[in-house]
Amino acid sequence: MSKYVSVFFLTLMVSLIFFFIFASFFMGGGDPAEEMVLTLGTIIVILLSFLISQTFYLIELVKKKR
């Protein structure tokens, strides 16, 4: 169980780091709401692609055990 909790907190920390990195890229003096939407959208896409790859990994792991 501690393995999953550590992965969760690691993902949380990485998403916070992504937020600060991408927020600095999208800051251009425009609309702040647009910059926030772009930043959060980028982070969501990255985290969902991580989730999809982990799902495929688990599917392959279950197939190998059978």
Protein backbone atom coordinates (compact mmCIF):
# COMPACT_ATOMS: atom_id res chain seq x y z
CA MET A 1 0.00 0.00 0.00
CA SER A 2 2.84 2.40 0.76
CA LYS A 3 4.08 1.95 -2.81
CA TYR A 4 0.83 3.33 -4.19
CA VAL A 5 0.74 6.21 -1.73
CA SER A 6 4.29 7.18 -2.68
CA VAL A 7 3.41 7.05 -6.39
CA PHE A 8 0.38 9.24 -5.72
CA PHE A 9 2.41 11.87 -3.88
CA LEU A 10 5.17 11.73 -6.49
CA THR A 11 2.59 12.36 -9.21
CA LEU A 12 1.14 15.19 -7.17
CA MET A 13 4.56 16.82 -6.76
CA VAL A 14 5.35 16.39 -10.46
CA SER A 15 2.05 18.02 -11.41
CA LEU A 16 2.84 20.98 -9.16
CA ILE A 17 6.26 21.31 -10.79
CA PHE A 18 4.60 21.10 -14.21
CA PHE A 19 2.18 23.82 -13.15
CA PHE A 20 4.96 26.26 -12.27
CA ILE A 21 6.99 25.41 -15.37
CA PHE A 22 4.10 25.65 -17.84
CA ALA A 23 2.65 28.72 -16.13
CA SER A 24 5.91 30.54 -16.75
CA PHE A 25 5.82 29.50 -20.43
CA PHE A 26 2.26 30.67 -20.99
CA MET A 27 2.63 34.01 -19.18
CA GLY A 28 2.61 36.58 -21.91
CA GLY A 29 0.69 39.51 -20.54
CA GLY A 30 -2.59 38.34 -22.03
CA ASP A 31 -5.74 37.20 -20.33
CA PRO A 32 -4.88 35.49 -17.00
CA ALA A 33 -7.84 33.11 -17.28
CA GLU A 34 -6.65 31.91 -20.68
CA GLU A 35 -3.16 31.30 -19.32
CA MET A 36 -4.59 29.30 -16.42
CA VAL A 37 -6.75 27.19 -18.75
CA LEU A 38 -3.78 26.46 -21.01
CA THR A 39 -1.60 25.53 -18.05
CA LEU A 40 -4.15 23.26 -16.38
CA GLY A 41 -5.15 21.72 -19.71
CA THR A 42 -1.54 20.83 -20.49
CA ILE A 43 -1.06 19.27 -17.06
CA ILE A 44 -4.29 17.27 -17.39
CA VAL A 45 -3.23 15.93 -20.78
CA ILE A 46 0.17 14.88 -19.42
CA LEU A 47 -1.33 13.18 -16.36
CA LEU A 48 -3.98 11.38 -18.43
CA SER A 49 -1.35 10.07 -20.84
CA PHE A 50 0.57 8.79 -17.79
CA LEU A 51 -2.61 7.08 -16.59
CA ILE A 52 -3.21 5.49 -19.99
CA SER A 53 0.33 4.16 -20.18
CA GLN A 54 0.03 2.72 -16.66
CA THR A 55 -3.24 1.04 -17.65
CA PHE A 56 -1.59 -0.59 -20.65
CA TYR A 57 1.26 -1.73 -18.42
CA LEU A 58 -1.19 -3.35 -15.99
CA ILE A 59 -3.04 -5.07 -18.85
CA GLU A 60 0.21 -6.54 -20.15
CA LEU A 61 1.18 -7.59 -16.63
CA VAL A 62 -2.12 -9.44 -16.15
CA LYS A 63 -1.73 -11.14 -19.55
CA LYS A 64 1.74 -12.41 -18.62
CA LYS A 65 0.50 -13.95 -15.36
CA ARG A 66 -2.08 -16.07 -17.17
